[in-house]
PDB file of all heavy atoms in Angstrom:
ATOM      1  N   MET A   1     -26.827-275.713  51.597  1.00  0.00           N
ATOM      2  CA  MET A   1     -25.828-274.630  51.605  1.00  0.00           C
ATOM      3  C   MET A   1     -26.023-273.788  52.841  1.00  0.00           C
ATOM      4  O   MET A   1     -27.127-273.526  53.290  1.00  0.00           O
ATOM      5  CB  MET A   1     -26.040-273.794  50.410  1.00  0.00           C
ATOM      6  CG  MET A   1     -25.629-274.523  49.074  1.00  0.00           C
ATOM      7  SD  MET A   1     -23.838-274.737  48.911  1.00  0.00           S
ATOM      8  CE  MET A   1     -23.246-273.046  48.981  1.00  0.00           C
ATOM      9  N   GLN A   2     -24.895-273.421  53.439  1.00  0.00           N
ATOM     10  CA  GLN A   2     -24.910-272.686  54.723  1.00  0.00           C
ATOM     11  C   GLN A   2     -24.050-271.465  54.741  1.00  0.00           C
ATOM     12  O   GLN A   2     -24.283-270.516  55.610  1.00  0.00           O
ATOM     13  CB  GLN A   2     -24.480-273.601  55.902  1.00  0.00           C
ATOM     14  CG  GLN A   2     -25.491-274.773  56.087  1.00  0.00           C
ATOM     15  CD  GLN A   2     -25.053-275.745  57.227  1.00  0.00           C
ATOM     16  OE1 GLN A   2     -24.048-275.427  57.940  1.00  0.00           O
ATOM     17  NE2 GLN A   2     -25.659-276.814  57.322  1.00  0.00           N
ATOM     18  N   ASP A   3     -22.909-271.406  53.958  1.00  0.00           N
ATOM     19  CA  ASP A   3     -21.966-270.391  54.076  1.00  0.00           C
ATOM     20  C   ASP A   3     -22.647-268.987  53.785  1.00  0.00           C
ATOM     21  O   ASP A   3     -23.429-268.833  52.851  1.00  0.00           O
ATOM     22  CB  ASP A   3     -20.879-270.595  53.178  1.00  0.00           C
ATOM     23  CG  ASP A   3     -19.701-269.533  53.470  1.00  0.00           C
ATOM     24  OD1 ASP A   3     -18.820-269.876  54.323  1.00  0.00           O
ATOM     25  OD2 ASP A   3     -19.691-268.430  52.921  1.00  0.00           O
ATOM     26  N   LYS A   4     -22.333-267.954  54.603  1.00  0.00           N
ATOM     27  CA  LYS A   4     -22.943-266.685  54.458  1.00  0.00           C
ATOM     28  C   LYS A   4     -22.120-265.663  53.865  1.00  0.00           C
ATOM     29  O   LYS A   4     -22.605-264.454  53.607  1.00  0.00           O
ATOM     30  CB  LYS A   4     -23.410-266.235  55.891  1.00  0.00           C
ATOM     31  CG  LYS A   4     -24.450-267.127  56.530  1.00  0.00           C
ATOM     32  CD  LYS A   4     -24.884-266.623  57.933  1.00  0.00           C
ATOM     33  CE  LYS A   4     -25.967-267.584  58.438  1.00  0.00           C
ATOM     34  NZ  LYS A   4     -26.347-267.102  59.800  1.00  0.00           N
ATOM     35  N   THR A   5     -20.853-265.975  53.564  1.00  0.00           N
ATOM     36  CA  THR A   5     -19.939-264.945  53.032  1.00  0.00           C
ATOM     37  C   THR A   5     -19.198-265.405  51.807  1.00  0.00           C
ATOM     38  O   THR A   5     -19.743-265.919  50.876  1.00  0.00           O
ATOM     39  CB  THR A   5     -18.981-264.391  54.066  1.00  0.00           C
ATOM     40  OG1 THR A   5     -18.195-265.531  54.680  1.00  0.00           O
ATOM     41  CG2 THR A   5     -19.753-263.728  55.316  1.00  0.00           C
ATOM     42  N   PHE A   6     -17.801-265.344  51.879  1.00  0.00           N
ATOM     43  CA  PHE A   6     -17.001-265.658  50.727  1.00  0.00           C
ATOM     44  C   PHE A   6     -16.854-267.090  50.362  1.00  0.00           C
ATOM     45  O   PHE A   6     -16.364-267.432  49.343  1.00  0.00           O
ATOM     46  CB  PHE A   6     -15.613-265.021  50.846  1.00  0.00           C
ATOM     47  CG  PHE A   6     -15.571-263.571  51.252  1.00  0.00           C
ATOM     48  CD1 PHE A   6     -15.001-263.079  52.386  1.00  0.00           C
ATOM     49  CD2 PHE A   6     -16.101-262.607  50.306  1.00  0.00           C
ATOM     50  CE1 PHE A   6     -15.027-261.808  52.738  1.00  0.00           C
ATOM     51  CE2 PHE A   6     -16.124-261.293  50.641  1.00  0.00           C
ATOM     52  CZ  PHE A   6     -15.548-260.806  51.848  1.00  0.00           C
ATOM     53  N   GLY A   7     -17.269-267.974  51.275  1.00  0.00           N
ATOM     54  CA  GLY A   7     -17.025-269.386  51.018  1.00  0.00           C
ATOM     55  C   GLY A   7     -18.158-270.077  50.172  1.00  0.00           C
ATOM     56  O   GLY A   7     -18.114-271.300  50.120  1.00  0.00           O
ATOM     57  N   TRP A   8     -19.155-269.331  49.701  1.00  0.00           N
ATOM     58  CA  TRP A   8     -20.285-269.831  49.112  1.00  0.00           C
ATOM     59  C   TRP A   8     -19.930-270.769  47.922  1.00  0.00           C
ATOM     60  O   TRP A   8     -20.400-271.917  47.875  1.00  0.00           O
ATOM     61  CB  TRP A   8     -21.262-268.690  48.644  1.00  0.00           C
ATOM     62  CG  TRP A   8     -22.416-269.217  47.870  1.00  0.00           C
ATOM     63  CD1 TRP A   8     -22.543-269.272  46.606  1.00  0.00           C
ATOM     64  CD2 TRP A   8     -23.694-269.571  48.497  1.00  0.00           C
ATOM     65  NE1 TRP A   8     -23.834-269.803  46.162  1.00  0.00           N
ATOM     66  CE2 TRP A   8     -24.545-269.950  47.317  1.00  0.00           C
ATOM     67  CE3 TRP A   8     -24.297-269.701  49.727  1.00  0.00           C
ATOM     68  CZ2 TRP A   8     -25.898-270.353  47.482  1.00  0.00           C
ATOM     69  CZ3 TRP A   8     -25.528-270.121  49.921  1.00  0.00           C
ATOM     70  CH2 TRP A   8     -26.329-270.421  48.789  1.00  0.00           C
ATOM     71  N   THR A   9     -19.173-270.244  47.003  1.00  0.00           N
ATOM     72  CA  THR A   9     -18.869-271.035  45.754  1.00  0.00           C
ATOM     73  C   THR A   9     -18.167-272.279  46.056  1.00  0.00           C
ATOM     74  O   THR A   9     -18.420-273.394  45.541  1.00  0.00           O
ATOM     75  CB  THR A   9     -18.159-270.135  44.695  1.00  0.00           C
ATOM     76  OG1 THR A   9     -16.950-269.689  45.261  1.00  0.00           O
ATOM     77  CG2 THR A   9     -19.037-269.011  44.284  1.00  0.00           C
ATOM     78  N   VAL A  10     -17.059-272.183  46.889  1.00  0.00           N
ATOM     79  CA  VAL A  10     -16.303-273.416  47.185  1.00  0.00           C
ATOM     80  C   VAL A  10     -17.073-274.361  47.992  1.00  0.00           C
ATOM     81  O   VAL A  10     -16.923-275.590  47.822  1.00  0.00           O
ATOM     82  CB  VAL A  10     -14.920-272.961  47.870  1.00  0.00           C
ATOM     83  CG1 VAL A  10     -15.108-272.501  49.343  1.00  0.00           C
ATOM     84  CG2 VAL A  10     -13.981-274.131  47.794  1.00  0.00           C
ATOM     85  N   GLU A  11     -17.986-273.849  48.890  1.00  0.00           N
ATOM     86  CA  GLU A  11     -18.781-274.844  49.608  1.00  0.00           C
ATOM     87  C   GLU A  11     -19.619-275.718  48.699  1.00  0.00           C
ATOM     88  O   GLU A  11     -19.817-276.905  48.778  1.00  0.00           O
ATOM     89  CB  GLU A  11     -19.734-274.152  50.639  1.00  0.00           C
ATOM     90  CG  GLU A  11     -20.635-275.087  51.437  1.00  0.00           C
ATOM     91  CD  GLU A  11     -21.713-274.322  52.203  1.00  0.00           C
ATOM     92  OE1 GLU A  11     -21.807-273.155  52.063  1.00  0.00           O
ATOM     93  OE2 GLU A  11     -22.406-275.114  52.868  1.00  0.00           O
ATOM     94  N   MET A  12     -20.238-275.024  47.639  1.00  0.00           N
ATOM     95  CA  MET A  12     -21.099-275.741  46.758  1.00  0.00           C
ATOM     96  C   MET A  12     -20.271-276.843  46.007  1.00  0.00           C
ATOM     97  O   MET A  12     -20.706-277.937  45.787  1.00  0.00           O
ATOM     98  CB  MET A  12     -21.666-274.753  45.700  1.00  0.00           C
ATOM     99  CG  MET A  12     -22.689-275.468  44.790  1.00  0.00           C
ATOM    100  SD  MET A  12     -23.353-274.255  43.617  1.00  0.00           S
ATOM    101  CE  MET A  12     -24.231-273.120  44.675  1.00  0.00           C
ATOM    102  N   GLN A  13     -19.005-276.477  45.519  1.00  0.00           N
ATOM    103  CA  GLN A  13     -18.251-277.385  44.828  1.00  0.00           C
ATOM    104  C   GLN A  13     -17.710-278.568  45.637  1.00  0.00           C
ATOM    105  O   GLN A  13     -17.644-279.696  45.237  1.00  0.00           O
ATOM    106  CB  GLN A  13     -17.140-276.683  44.062  1.00  0.00           C
ATOM    107  CG  GLN A  13     -17.632-275.887  42.855  1.00  0.00           C
ATOM    108  CD  GLN A  13     -16.715-274.817  42.324  1.00  0.00           C
ATOM    109  OE1 GLN A  13     -16.914-273.645  42.531  1.00  0.00           O
ATOM    110  NE2 GLN A  13     -15.642-275.250  41.728  1.00  0.00           N
ATOM    111  N   VAL A  14     -17.301-278.264  46.874  1.00  0.00           N
ATOM    112  CA  VAL A  14     -16.823-279.345  47.747  1.00  0.00           C
ATOM    113  C   VAL A  14     -17.965-280.220  48.053  1.00  0.00           C
ATOM    114  O   VAL A  14     -17.838-281.512  48.120  1.00  0.00           O
ATOM    115  CB  VAL A  14     -16.181-278.703  49.019  1.00  0.00           C
ATOM    116  CG1 VAL A  14     -16.043-279.861  50.093  1.00  0.00           C
ATOM    117  CG2 VAL A  14     -14.864-278.050  48.679  1.00  0.00           C
ATOM    118  N   LYS A  15     -19.125-279.749  48.417  1.00  0.00           N
ATOM    119  CA  LYS A  15     -20.288-280.619  48.718  1.00  0.00           C
ATOM    120  C   LYS A  15     -20.776-281.371  47.532  1.00  0.00           C
ATOM    121  O   LYS A  15     -21.158-282.499  47.658  1.00  0.00           O
ATOM    122  CB  LYS A  15     -21.434-279.714  49.306  1.00  0.00           C
ATOM    123  CG  LYS A  15     -21.151-279.265  50.703  1.00  0.00           C
ATOM    124  CD  LYS A  15     -22.427-278.522  51.339  1.00  0.00           C
ATOM    125  CE  LYS A  15     -22.209-278.365  52.784  1.00  0.00           C
ATOM    126  NZ  LYS A  15     -23.368-277.560  53.386  1.00  0.00           N
ATOM    127  N   ALA A  16     -20.685-280.761  46.310  1.00  0.00           N
ATOM    128  CA  ALA A  16     -20.986-281.562  45.138  1.00  0.00           C
ATOM    129  C   ALA A  16     -20.020-282.717  44.938  1.00  0.00           C
ATOM    130  O   ALA A  16     -20.477-283.776  44.610  1.00  0.00           O
ATOM    131  CB  ALA A  16     -20.928-280.627  43.975  1.00  0.00           C
ATOM    132  N   ALA A  17     -18.786-282.484  45.212  1.00  0.00           N
ATOM    133  CA  ALA A  17     -17.810-283.546  45.150  1.00  0.00           C
ATOM    134  C   ALA A  17     -18.087-284.667  46.112  1.00  0.00           C
ATOM    135  O   ALA A  17     -18.071-285.901  45.903  1.00  0.00           O
ATOM    136  CB  ALA A  17     -16.365-283.012  45.420  1.00  0.00           C
ATOM    137  N   LYS A  18     -18.429-284.296  47.391  1.00  0.00           N
ATOM    138  CA  LYS A  18     -18.755-285.270  48.457  1.00  0.00           C
ATOM    139  C   LYS A  18     -19.999-286.096  48.187  1.00  0.00           C
ATOM    140  O   LYS A  18     -20.059-287.251  48.567  1.00  0.00           O
ATOM    141  CB  LYS A  18     -18.841-284.578  49.796  1.00  0.00           C
ATOM    142  CG  LYS A  18     -17.433-283.935  50.275  1.00  0.00           C
ATOM    143  CD  LYS A  18     -17.611-283.338  51.625  1.00  0.00           C
ATOM    144  CE  LYS A  18     -17.783-284.336  52.709  1.00  0.00           C
ATOM    145  NZ  LYS A  18     -17.677-283.718  54.117  1.00  0.00           N
ATOM    146  N   HIS A  19     -20.941-285.416  47.479  1.00  0.00           N
ATOM    147  CA  HIS A  19     -22.161-286.027  47.222  1.00  0.00           C
ATOM    148  C   HIS A  19     -22.113-286.819  45.811  1.00  0.00           C
ATOM    149  O   HIS A  19     -23.174-287.320  45.392  1.00  0.00           O
ATOM    150  CB  HIS A  19     -23.307-285.079  47.169  1.00  0.00           C
ATOM    151  CG  HIS A  19     -23.839-284.604  48.497  1.00  0.00           C
ATOM    152  ND1 HIS A  19     -23.066-283.883  49.345  1.00  0.00           N
ATOM    153  CD2 HIS A  19     -24.977-284.993  49.178  1.00  0.00           C
ATOM    154  CE1 HIS A  19     -23.718-283.700  50.470  1.00  0.00           C
ATOM    155  NE2 HIS A  19     -24.978-284.312  50.425  1.00  0.00           N
ATOM    156  N   LYS A  20     -20.973-286.829  45.193  1.00  0.00           N
ATOM    157  CA  LYS A  20     -20.700-287.526  43.970  1.00  0.00           C
ATOM    158  C   LYS A  20     -21.682-286.939  42.850  1.00  0.00           C
ATOM    159  O   LYS A  20     -22.153-287.752  41.942  1.00  0.00           O
ATOM    160  CB  LYS A  20     -21.027-288.979  44.169  1.00  0.00           C
ATOM    161  CG  LYS A  20     -20.256-289.662  45.294  1.00  0.00           C
ATOM    162  CD  LYS A  20     -18.756-289.663  45.107  1.00  0.00           C
ATOM    163  CE  LYS A  20     -18.031-290.446  46.167  1.00  0.00           C
ATOM    164  NZ  LYS A  20     -16.574-290.328  46.119  1.00  0.00           N
ATOM    165  N   PHE A  21     -21.808-285.642  42.808  1.00  0.00           N
ATOM    166  CA  PHE A  21     -22.617-285.107  41.708  1.00  0.00           C
ATOM    167  C   PHE A  21     -21.859-285.220  40.387  1.00  0.00           C
ATOM    168  O   PHE A  21     -20.630-285.232  40.355  1.00  0.00           O
ATOM    169  CB  PHE A  21     -22.892-283.612  41.972  1.00  0.00           C
ATOM    170  CG  PHE A  21     -23.867-283.324  43.097  1.00  0.00           C
ATOM    171  CD1 PHE A  21     -24.503-284.301  43.830  1.00  0.00           C
ATOM    172  CD2 PHE A  21     -24.177-281.982  43.325  1.00  0.00           C
ATOM    173  CE1 PHE A  21     -25.365-283.995  44.779  1.00  0.00           C
ATOM    174  CE2 PHE A  21     -25.135-281.691  44.309  1.00  0.00           C
ATOM    175  CZ  PHE A  21     -25.773-282.657  45.006  1.00  0.00           C
ATOM    176  N   ARG A  22     -22.658-285.316  39.288  1.00  0.00           N
ATOM    177  CA  ARG A  22     -22.064-285.254  38.009  1.00  0.00           C
ATOM    178  C   ARG A  22     -21.976-283.741  37.563  1.00  0.00           C
ATOM    179  O   ARG A  22     -22.979-283.001  37.614  1.00  0.00           O
ATOM    180  CB  ARG A  22     -23.001-286.057  36.942  1.00  0.00           C
ATOM    181  CG  ARG A  22     -23.033-287.499  37.167  1.00  0.00           C
ATOM    182  CD  ARG A  22     -23.808-288.223  36.058  1.00  0.00           C
ATOM    183  NE  ARG A  22     -25.144-287.750  36.012  1.00  0.00           N
ATOM    184  CZ  ARG A  22     -26.195-288.302  36.646  1.00  0.00           C
ATOM    185  NH1 ARG A  22     -25.970-289.295  37.600  1.00  0.00           N
ATOM    186  NH2 ARG A  22     -27.411-287.837  36.486  1.00  0.00           N
ATOM    187  N   PHE A  23     -20.706-283.360  37.267  1.00  0.00           N
ATOM    188  CA  PHE A  23     -20.591-281.999  36.948  1.00  0.00           C
ATOM    189  C   PHE A  23     -19.640-281.843  35.773  1.00  0.00           C
ATOM    190  O   PHE A  23     -18.873-282.751  35.390  1.00  0.00           O
ATOM    191  CB  PHE A  23     -20.038-281.200  38.153  1.00  0.00           C
ATOM    192  CG  PHE A  23     -18.576-281.521  38.579  1.00  0.00           C
ATOM    193  CD1 PHE A  23     -17.506-280.997  37.979  1.00  0.00           C
ATOM    194  CD2 PHE A  23     -18.426-282.586  39.532  1.00  0.00           C
ATOM    195  CE1 PHE A  23     -16.259-281.316  38.241  1.00  0.00           C
ATOM    196  CE2 PHE A  23     -17.113-282.947  39.820  1.00  0.00           C
ATOM    197  CZ  PHE A  23     -15.990-282.320  39.206  1.00  0.00           C
ATOM    198  N   THR A  24     -19.672-280.612  35.191  1.00  0.00           N
ATOM    199  CA  THR A  24     -18.777-280.311  34.095  1.00  0.00           C
ATOM    200  C   THR A  24     -18.595-278.791  34.147  1.00  0.00           C
ATOM    201  O   THR A  24     -19.143-278.107  34.920  1.00  0.00           O
ATOM    202  CB  THR A  24     -19.266-280.759  32.699  1.00  0.00           C
ATOM    203  OG1 THR A  24     -18.344-280.669  31.750  1.00  0.00           O
ATOM    204  CG2 THR A  24     -20.524-279.970  32.244  1.00  0.00           C
ATOM    205  N   GLU A  25     -17.638-278.349  33.311  1.00  0.00           N
ATOM    206  CA  GLU A  25     -17.339-276.907  33.169  1.00  0.00           C
ATOM    207  C   GLU A  25     -17.507-276.504  31.650  1.00  0.00           C
ATOM    208  O   GLU A  25     -17.315-277.372  30.749  1.00  0.00           O
ATOM    209  CB  GLU A  25     -15.982-276.586  33.624  1.00  0.00           C
ATOM    210  CG  GLU A  25     -15.680-276.856  35.028  1.00  0.00           C
ATOM    211  CD  GLU A  25     -14.294-276.477  35.547  1.00  0.00           C
ATOM    212  OE1 GLU A  25     -13.339-276.531  34.609  1.00  0.00           O
ATOM    213  OE2 GLU A  25     -14.018-276.193  36.719  1.00  0.00           O
ATOM    214  N   ILE A  26     -17.857-275.275  31.422  1.00  0.00           N
ATOM    215  CA  ILE A  26     -17.836-274.712  30.073  1.00  0.00           C
ATOM    216  C   ILE A  26     -16.810-273.512  30.155  1.00  0.00           C
ATOM    217  O   ILE A  26     -16.595-272.920  31.151  1.00  0.00           O
ATOM    218  CB  ILE A  26     -19.183-274.175  29.605  1.00  0.00           C
ATOM    219  CG1 ILE A  26     -19.664-273.052  30.531  1.00  0.00           C
ATOM    220  CG2 ILE A  26     -20.200-275.341  29.580  1.00  0.00           C
ATOM    221  CD1 ILE A  26     -20.720-272.263  29.901  1.00  0.00           C
ATOM    222  N   PRO A  27     -16.100-273.151  29.037  1.00  0.00           N
ATOM    223  CA  PRO A  27     -15.224-272.063  29.041  1.00  0.00           C
ATOM    224  C   PRO A  27     -16.025-270.789  29.086  1.00  0.00           C
ATOM    225  O   PRO A  27     -17.069-270.512  28.348  1.00  0.00           O
ATOM    226  CB  PRO A  27     -14.543-272.152  27.573  1.00  0.00           C
ATOM    227  CG  PRO A  27     -14.864-273.572  27.116  1.00  0.00           C
ATOM    228  CD  PRO A  27     -16.233-273.917  27.756  1.00  0.00           C
ATOM    229  N   ALA A  28     -15.709-269.954  30.073  1.00  0.00           N
ATOM    230  CA  ALA A  28     -16.359-268.666  30.284  1.00  0.00           C
ATOM    231  C   ALA A  28     -15.605-267.479  29.686  1.00  0.00           C
ATOM    232  O   ALA A  28     -14.460-267.397  29.792  1.00  0.00           O
ATOM    233  CB  ALA A  28     -16.568-268.492  31.805  1.00  0.00           C
ATOM    234  N   LYS A  29     -16.447-266.609  29.057  1.00  0.00           N
ATOM    235  CA  LYS A  29     -15.863-265.335  28.767  1.00  0.00           C
ATOM    236  C   LYS A  29     -16.085-264.473  29.997  1.00  0.00           C
ATOM    237  O   LYS A  29     -17.028-264.534  30.662  1.00  0.00           O
ATOM    238  CB  LYS A  29     -16.684-264.697  27.626  1.00  0.00           C
ATOM    239  CG  LYS A  29     -16.590-265.494  26.242  1.00  0.00           C
ATOM    240  CD  LYS A  29     -17.182-264.733  25.049  1.00  0.00           C
ATOM    241  CE  LYS A  29     -18.634-264.694  25.241  1.00  0.00           C
ATOM    242  NZ  LYS A  29     -19.257-264.076  23.994  1.00  0.00           N
ATOM    243  N   TYR A  30     -15.027-263.617  30.205  1.00  0.00           N
ATOM    244  CA  TYR A  30     -15.010-262.831  31.445  1.00  0.00           C
ATOM    245  C   TYR A  30     -14.297-261.496  31.148  1.00  0.00           C
ATOM    246  O   TYR A  30     -13.226-261.463  30.599  1.00  0.00           O
ATOM    247  CB  TYR A  30     -14.233-263.567  32.505  1.00  0.00           C
ATOM    248  CG  TYR A  30     -14.462-263.135  33.926  1.00  0.00           C
ATOM    249  CD1 TYR A  30     -15.695-263.385  34.550  1.00  0.00           C
ATOM    250  CD2 TYR A  30     -13.512-262.437  34.660  1.00  0.00           C
ATOM    251  CE1 TYR A  30     -15.914-262.920  35.851  1.00  0.00           C
ATOM    252  CE2 TYR A  30     -13.637-262.039  35.940  1.00  0.00           C
ATOM    253  CZ  TYR A  30     -14.933-262.353  36.561  1.00  0.00           C
ATOM    254  OH  TYR A  30     -15.115-261.839  37.876  1.00  0.00           O
ATOM    255  N   ARG A  31     -14.934-260.393  31.571  1.00  0.00           N
ATOM    256  CA  ARG A  31     -14.403-259.042  31.315  1.00  0.00           C
ATOM    257  C   ARG A  31     -14.262-258.271  32.600  1.00  0.00           C
ATOM    258  O   ARG A  31     -14.692-258.745  33.687  1.00  0.00           O
ATOM    259  CB  ARG A  31     -15.374-258.268  30.399  1.00  0.00           C
ATOM    260  CG  ARG A  31     -16.788-258.064  31.006  1.00  0.00           C
ATOM    261  CD  ARG A  31     -17.835-257.615  29.979  1.00  0.00           C
ATOM    262  NE  ARG A  31     -19.115-258.121  30.379  1.00  0.00           N
ATOM    263  CZ  ARG A  31     -20.120-258.444  29.605  1.00  0.00           C
ATOM    264  NH1 ARG A  31     -20.016-258.228  28.204  1.00  0.00           N
ATOM    265  NH2 ARG A  31     -21.265-258.831  30.007  1.00  0.00           N
ATOM    266  N   LYS A  32     -13.665-257.129  32.534  1.00  0.00           N
ATOM    267  CA  LYS A  32     -13.467-256.275  33.651  1.00  0.00           C
ATOM    268  C   LYS A  32     -14.822-255.844  34.157  1.00  0.00           C
ATOM    269  O   LYS A  32     -15.710-255.531  33.350  1.00  0.00           O
ATOM    270  CB  LYS A  32     -12.762-254.989  33.223  1.00  0.00           C
ATOM    271  CG  LYS A  32     -11.227-255.181  32.917  1.00  0.00           C
ATOM    272  CD  LYS A  32     -10.552-253.857  32.654  1.00  0.00           C
ATOM    273  CE  LYS A  32      -9.129-254.064  32.343  1.00  0.00           C
ATOM    274  NZ  LYS A  32      -8.457-252.800  31.973  1.00  0.00           N
ATOM    275  N   ARG A  33     -15.083-256.004  35.478  1.00  0.00           N
ATOM    276  CA  ARG A  33     -16.290-255.669  36.055  1.00  0.00           C
ATOM    277  C   ARG A  33     -16.574-254.088  36.001  1.00  0.00           C
ATOM    278  O   ARG A  33     -15.605-253.376  35.823  1.00  0.00           O
ATOM    279  CB  ARG A  33     -16.378-256.079  37.495  1.00  0.00           C
ATOM    280  CG  ARG A  33     -15.254-255.578  38.357  1.00  0.00           C
ATOM    281  CD  ARG A  33     -15.627-255.621  39.890  1.00  0.00           C
ATOM    282  NE  ARG A  33     -16.797-254.647  40.138  1.00  0.00           N
ATOM    283  CZ  ARG A  33     -17.690-254.973  40.927  1.00  0.00           C
ATOM    284  NH1 ARG A  33     -17.769-256.119  41.652  1.00  0.00           N
ATOM    285  NH2 ARG A  33     -18.694-254.072  41.155  1.00  0.00           N
ATOM    286  N   ILE A  34     -17.851-253.698  36.124  1.00  0.00           N
ATOM    287  CA  ILE A  34     -18.137-252.292  36.324  1.00  0.00           C
ATOM    288  C   ILE A  34     -18.005-252.015  37.741  1.00  0.00           C
ATOM    289  O   ILE A  34     -18.634-252.631  38.611  1.00  0.00           O
ATOM    290  CB  ILE A  34     -19.594-252.035  35.796  1.00  0.00           C
ATOM    291  CG1 ILE A  34     -19.657-252.252  34.280  1.00  0.00           C
ATOM    292  CG2 ILE A  34     -20.040-250.622  36.148  1.00  0.00           C
ATOM    293  CD1 ILE A  34     -21.066-252.109  33.656  1.00  0.00           C
ATOM    294  N   GLY A  35     -17.245-250.934  38.115  1.00  0.00           N
ATOM    295  CA  GLY A  35     -17.034-250.599  39.447  1.00  0.00           C
ATOM    296  C   GLY A  35     -15.855-251.358  40.105  1.00  0.00           C
ATOM    297  O   GLY A  35     -15.120-252.164  39.476  1.00  0.00           O
ATOM    298  N   VAL A  36     -15.642-251.230  41.399  1.00  0.00           N
ATOM    299  CA  VAL A  36     -14.542-251.762  42.134  1.00  0.00           C
ATOM    300  C   VAL A  36     -14.999-253.062  42.918  1.00  0.00           C
ATOM    301  O   VAL A  36     -16.091-253.050  43.567  1.00  0.00           O
ATOM    302  CB  VAL A  36     -13.939-250.752  43.108  1.00  0.00           C
ATOM    303  CG1 VAL A  36     -12.820-251.405  43.942  1.00  0.00           C
ATOM    304  CG2 VAL A  36     -13.443-249.555  42.371  1.00  0.00           C
ATOM    305  N   SER A  37     -14.258-254.071  42.796  1.00  0.00           N
ATOM    306  CA  SER A  37     -14.659-255.348  43.512  1.00  0.00           C
ATOM    307  C   SER A  37     -14.561-255.144  45.013  1.00  0.00           C
ATOM    308  O   SER A  37     -13.671-254.537  45.501  1.00  0.00           O
ATOM    309  CB  SER A  37     -13.663-256.471  43.074  1.00  0.00           C
ATOM    310  OG  SER A  37     -13.928-257.546  43.915  1.00  0.00           O
ATOM    311  N   LYS A  38     -15.664-255.682  45.650  1.00  0.00           N
ATOM    312  CA  LYS A  38     -15.622-255.616  47.158  1.00  0.00           C
ATOM    313  C   LYS A  38     -14.711-256.699  47.775  1.00  0.00           C
ATOM    314  O   LYS A  38     -14.321-256.645  48.902  1.00  0.00           O
ATOM    315  CB  LYS A  38     -17.011-255.940  47.674  1.00  0.00           C
ATOM    316  CG  LYS A  38     -18.092-254.851  47.316  1.00  0.00           C
ATOM    317  CD  LYS A  38     -18.592-254.912  45.926  1.00  0.00           C
ATOM    318  CE  LYS A  38     -19.683-253.859  45.606  1.00  0.00           C
ATOM    319  NZ  LYS A  38     -20.086-253.939  44.206  1.00  0.00           N
ATOM    320  N   VAL A  39     -14.200-257.623  46.979  1.00  0.00           N
ATOM    321  CA  VAL A  39     -13.242-258.686  47.386  1.00  0.00           C
ATOM    322  C   VAL A  39     -11.846-258.366  46.936  1.00  0.00           C
ATOM    323  O   VAL A  39     -11.015-257.923  47.722  1.00  0.00           O
ATOM    324  CB  VAL A  39     -13.768-260.034  46.983  1.00  0.00           C
ATOM    325  CG1 VAL A  39     -12.766-261.110  47.490  1.00  0.00           C
ATOM    326  CG2 VAL A  39     -15.093-260.314  47.460  1.00  0.00           C
ATOM    327  N   SER A  40     -11.620-258.566  45.600  1.00  0.00           N
ATOM    328  CA  SER A  40     -10.263-258.423  45.083  1.00  0.00           C
ATOM    329  C   SER A  40      -9.847-256.908  44.935  1.00  0.00           C
ATOM    330  O   SER A  40      -8.730-256.684  44.763  1.00  0.00           O
ATOM    331  CB  SER A  40     -10.108-259.123  43.747  1.00  0.00           C
ATOM    332  OG  SER A  40     -11.022-258.458  42.826  1.00  0.00           O
ATOM    333  N   GLY A  41     -10.742-255.997  45.133  1.00  0.00           N
ATOM    334  CA  GLY A  41     -10.449-254.626  44.986  1.00  0.00           C
ATOM    335  C   GLY A  41      -9.686-254.060  46.175  1.00  0.00           C
ATOM    336  O   GLY A  41      -9.235-252.922  46.137  1.00  0.00           O
ATOM    337  N   THR A  42      -9.637-254.749  47.348  1.00  0.00           N
ATOM    338  CA  THR A  42      -8.984-254.271  48.516  1.00  0.00           C
ATOM    339  C   THR A  42      -8.020-255.392  49.062  1.00  0.00           C
ATOM    340  O   THR A  42      -8.357-256.604  48.929  1.00  0.00           O
ATOM    341  CB  THR A  42      -9.927-253.872  49.624  1.00  0.00           C
ATOM    342  OG1 THR A  42     -10.684-254.984  50.019  1.00  0.00           O
ATOM    343  CG2 THR A  42     -10.905-252.781  49.082  1.00  0.00           C
ATOM    344  N   VAL A  43      -6.977-255.061  49.697  1.00  0.00           N
ATOM    345  CA  VAL A  43      -6.098-256.027  50.347  1.00  0.00           C
ATOM    346  C   VAL A  43      -6.848-256.756  51.359  1.00  0.00           C
ATOM    347  O   VAL A  43      -6.844-258.046  51.458  1.00  0.00           O
ATOM    348  CB  VAL A  43      -4.878-255.278  50.965  1.00  0.00           C
ATOM    349  CG1 VAL A  43      -4.037-256.369  51.714  1.00  0.00           C
ATOM    350  CG2 VAL A  43      -4.050-254.713  49.814  1.00  0.00           C
ATOM    351  N   ARG A  44      -7.632-256.039  52.202  1.00  0.00           N
ATOM    352  CA  ARG A  44      -8.393-256.766  53.337  1.00  0.00           C
ATOM    353  C   ARG A  44      -9.402-257.691  52.776  1.00  0.00           C
ATOM    354  O   ARG A  44      -9.434-258.857  53.270  1.00  0.00           O
ATOM    355  CB  ARG A  44      -9.092-255.657  54.186  1.00  0.00           C
ATOM    356  CG  ARG A  44      -9.862-256.252  55.318  1.00  0.00           C
ATOM    357  CD  ARG A  44     -10.560-255.141  56.201  1.00  0.00           C
ATOM    358  NE  ARG A  44     -11.224-255.746  57.342  1.00  0.00           N
ATOM    359  CZ  ARG A  44     -12.486-256.067  57.282  1.00  0.00           C
ATOM    360  NH1 ARG A  44     -13.184-256.026  56.205  1.00  0.00           N
ATOM    361  NH2 ARG A  44     -13.073-256.605  58.372  1.00  0.00           N
ATOM    362  N   GLY A  45     -10.159-257.342  51.720  1.00  0.00           N
ATOM    363  CA  GLY A  45     -11.094-258.171  51.075  1.00  0.00           C
ATOM    364  C   GLY A  45     -10.477-259.411  50.468  1.00  0.00           C
ATOM    365  O   GLY A  45     -10.984-260.596  50.623  1.00  0.00           O
TER     366      GLY A  45
END
C-alpha cells in the first residue's frame, strides 16, 4: 500500500483484484458520524 490520502480504500480493493485475492462483503450498519466529515462535509473535500 502506498496511497497517502483519499485513495487508500480504493487502492486496496483494486490491488486485491489484481492479485486475485478471495474477498467478500458483509452488510454494514452505518449511522451519522459525530462531527463534520473532512471529506464529504465540504465541496472541496
